[in-house]
Amino acid sequence: MKKQLLLLSLIIFGIISCSDDTGDTLDLTVRTNDLSKMYGTGEKKWKITAYYSNYNLQELDETFNDCVQDDVYVFSKDTEDVEVSLGNITCGNVSDVKNEFAGGRYTHTSDNTLLLSFARSYEKEETGVSISRIMIIKCIHLSENKMIFIHGDVGDYIGIVFERVD
């Protein structure tokens, strides 16, 4: 009887342990044959449509969100480098930005993780001080028209949503 009770307890514990009620488990797997969704037969253009300071809570980062939405990101089949064409809205005080740069590189790892190394920097006109934001983000969603990348700790992810541009 004790063995049956122990076995029943282990089964119930196993079912409870495997349930996903928190929503914190993310599928970070991107298969090699899915990469073409990112660049098509040659290349695809994408725009960031949302930049979340906390993706789980859907909290937009207003200061960074505004300046990235008019940029165009080109993902290509022929190179892992991501070409970035900056739009008209800068990521600093508009009157104080001298030069602004952005770029990226994607990497597909042997464990089927898709990473995007993403960098953006600008130089202040008056002081000459450069300010940069560099991060490596992981893909949690890849489809023909949408990509979602995250960075951070469980429950406190930065989230960047890309949508395809025609």
Protein backbone atom coordinates (compact mmCIF):
# COMPACT_ATOMS: atom_id res chain seq x y z
CA MET A 1 0.00 0.00 0.00
CA LYS A 2 2.85 2.41 0.86
CA LYS A 3 4.49 1.68 -2.52
CA GLN A 4 1.24 2.42 -4.35
CA LEU A 5 0.74 5.65 -2.41
CA LEU A 6 4.34 6.68 -3.13
CA LEU A 7 3.91 5.84 -6.83
CA LEU A 8 0.64 7.81 -6.97
CA SER A 9 2.32 10.76 -5.24
CA LEU A 10 5.21 10.70 -7.74
CA ILE A 11 2.79 10.61 -10.68
CA ILE A 12 0.78 13.55 -9.31
CA PHE A 13 3.99 15.48 -8.55
CA GLY A 14 5.20 14.78 -12.09
CA ILE A 15 1.98 16.07 -13.62
CA ILE A 16 2.04 19.22 -11.49
CA SER A 17 5.74 19.82 -12.21
CA CYS A 18 5.21 19.57 -15.96
CA SER A 19 2.27 21.94 -16.15
CA ASP A 20 2.93 25.39 -17.54
CA ASP A 21 0.64 27.72 -15.61
CA THR A 22 3.15 30.54 -15.23
CA GLY A 23 3.70 31.33 -18.90
CA ASP A 24 7.41 31.75 -18.14
CA THR A 25 8.50 28.82 -20.33
CA LEU A 26 9.45 29.95 -23.80
CA ASP A 27 10.27 27.90 -26.87
CA LEU A 28 13.63 29.19 -28.02
CA THR A 29 14.12 26.56 -30.73
CA VAL A 30 14.47 27.63 -34.37
CA ARG A 31 15.24 24.85 -36.84
CA THR A 32 17.67 25.44 -39.71
CA ASN A 33 14.96 25.07 -42.35
CA ASP A 34 12.92 27.82 -40.59
CA LEU A 35 15.65 30.42 -41.15
CA SER A 36 14.33 31.12 -44.65
CA LYS A 37 11.31 32.76 -42.98
CA MET A 38 13.75 35.47 -41.92
CA TYR A 39 15.28 36.18 -45.35
CA GLY A 40 13.08 34.44 -47.95
CA THR A 41 14.85 33.44 -51.15
CA GLY A 42 17.36 36.30 -50.89
CA GLU A 43 16.57 39.00 -48.37
CA LYS A 44 13.68 40.48 -46.41
CA LYS A 45 13.19 43.89 -44.87
CA TRP A 46 11.86 44.27 -41.34
CA LYS A 47 10.89 47.09 -38.99
CA ILE A 48 10.71 47.08 -35.22
CA THR A 49 7.06 47.65 -34.38
CA ALA A 50 7.42 47.37 -30.60
CA TYR A 51 10.26 47.62 -28.10
CA TYR A 52 9.23 46.39 -24.65
CA SER A 53 11.11 47.18 -21.45
CA ASN A 54 9.16 44.24 -19.97
CA TYR A 55 7.77 41.87 -22.60
CA ASN A 56 5.89 39.73 -20.07
CA LEU A 57 3.94 42.76 -18.82
CA GLN A 58 3.75 44.30 -22.33
CA GLU A 59 5.35 47.54 -21.06
CA LEU A 60 6.65 49.61 -23.96
CA ASP A 61 9.93 51.47 -23.59
CA GLU A 62 8.66 54.82 -24.88
CA THR A 63 12.07 56.49 -25.19
CA PHE A 64 13.63 53.73 -27.27
CA ASN A 65 10.42 52.53 -28.93
CA ASP A 66 9.84 55.81 -30.79
CA CYS A 67 13.29 56.06 -32.33
CA VAL A 68 13.54 52.52 -33.74
CA GLN A 69 10.20 52.28 -35.52
CA ASP A 70 11.29 54.09 -38.68
CA ASP A 71 14.49 52.06 -39.13
CA VAL A 72 14.67 49.22 -41.68
CA TYR A 73 16.57 45.98 -40.96
CA VAL A 74 17.63 43.78 -43.88
CA PHE A 75 18.21 40.07 -43.20
CA SER A 76 19.96 38.24 -46.02
CA LYS A 77 20.46 34.62 -47.01
CA ASP A 78 24.04 35.37 -48.13
CA THR A 79 25.37 36.89 -44.90
CA GLU A 80 24.65 36.81 -41.20
CA ASP A 81 25.26 40.56 -41.02
CA VAL A 82 22.09 42.61 -40.65
CA GLU A 83 22.04 45.85 -42.61
CA VAL A 84 20.31 48.72 -40.82
CA SER A 85 18.99 51.81 -42.58
CA LEU A 86 18.29 54.39 -39.92
CA GLY A 87 15.14 56.46 -40.16
CA ASN A 88 14.69 60.14 -39.35
CA ILE A 89 14.02 59.78 -35.61
CA THR A 90 17.22 59.61 -33.57
CA CYS A 91 17.60 57.79 -30.26
CA GLY A 92 18.87 60.79 -28.36
CA ASN A 93 17.80 64.36 -27.97
CA VAL A 94 17.23 65.19 -31.64
CA SER A 95 19.03 68.52 -31.47
CA ASP A 96 22.04 66.99 -29.73
CA VAL A 97 22.87 63.98 -31.94
CA LYS A 98 25.81 64.28 -34.32
CA ASN A 99 26.22 60.74 -35.64
CA GLU A 100 24.09 57.65 -35.16
CA PHE A 101 24.99 54.08 -36.09
CA ALA A 102 23.23 50.72 -35.88
CA GLY A 103 23.90 47.19 -36.99
CA GLY A 104 23.47 43.58 -36.17
CA ARG A 105 24.42 40.01 -36.85
CA TYR A 106 22.37 36.87 -36.47
CA THR A 107 23.73 33.50 -35.42
CA HIS A 108 22.03 30.12 -35.55
CA THR A 109 23.64 27.85 -32.96
CA SER A 110 24.07 24.08 -32.97
CA ASP A 111 21.33 23.76 -30.33
CA ASN A 112 18.86 25.53 -32.69
CA THR A 113 18.89 28.87 -30.92
CA LEU A 114 18.61 31.96 -33.11
CA LEU A 115 20.51 34.92 -31.65
CA LEU A 116 20.62 38.51 -32.84
CA SER A 117 23.53 40.68 -31.74
CA PHE A 118 22.13 44.16 -31.90
CA ALA A 119 24.00 47.45 -31.49
CA ARG A 120 23.02 51.09 -31.69
CA SER A 121 25.08 54.11 -30.77
CA TYR A 122 25.07 57.84 -31.21
CA GLU A 123 27.44 60.69 -30.55
CA LYS A 124 26.36 63.83 -28.72
CA GLU A 125 27.04 67.04 -30.66
CA GLU A 126 28.12 69.26 -27.78
CA THR A 127 30.15 66.82 -25.72
CA GLY A 128 31.31 64.28 -28.29
CA VAL A 129 30.31 61.54 -25.84
CA SER A 130 29.16 58.32 -27.49
CA ILE A 131 26.27 56.40 -26.03
CA SER A 132 25.71 52.79 -27.06
CA ARG A 133 23.17 50.08 -26.48
CA ILE A 134 24.43 46.60 -27.27
CA MET A 135 22.59 43.37 -26.58
CA ILE A 136 22.30 39.78 -27.65
CA ILE A 137 18.71 38.68 -27.95
CA LYS A 138 17.09 35.25 -28.50
CA CYS A 139 14.32 34.49 -30.94
CA ILE A 140 11.09 33.14 -29.42
CA HIS A 141 8.92 33.53 -32.53
CA LEU A 142 9.78 33.33 -36.21
CA SER A 143 7.17 33.40 -38.95
CA GLU A 144 7.00 34.76 -42.51
CA ASN A 145 5.84 38.17 -41.27
CA LYS A 146 6.86 38.48 -37.60
CA MET A 147 9.90 37.87 -35.41
CA ILE A 148 10.07 38.30 -31.64
CA PHE A 149 13.36 38.41 -29.76
CA ILE A 150 13.88 38.61 -25.98
CA HIS A 151 16.68 39.30 -23.53
CA GLY A 152 16.76 39.12 -19.76
CA ASP A 153 15.56 37.11 -16.81
CA VAL A 154 12.40 35.02 -16.59
CA GLY A 155 9.48 37.34 -15.96
CA ASP A 156 11.53 40.44 -16.83
CA TYR A 157 12.36 40.10 -20.53
CA ILE A 158 13.16 42.97 -22.86
CA GLY A 159 11.17 42.20 -26.00
CA ILE A 160 11.70 43.41 -29.55
CA VAL A 161 9.05 42.72 -32.19
CA PHE A 162 10.00 42.88 -35.87
CA GLU A 163 7.39 42.89 -38.63
CA ARG A 164 8.05 42.38 -42.32
CA VAL A 165 8.10 45.40 -44.63
CA ASP A 166 7.12 45.02 -48.29
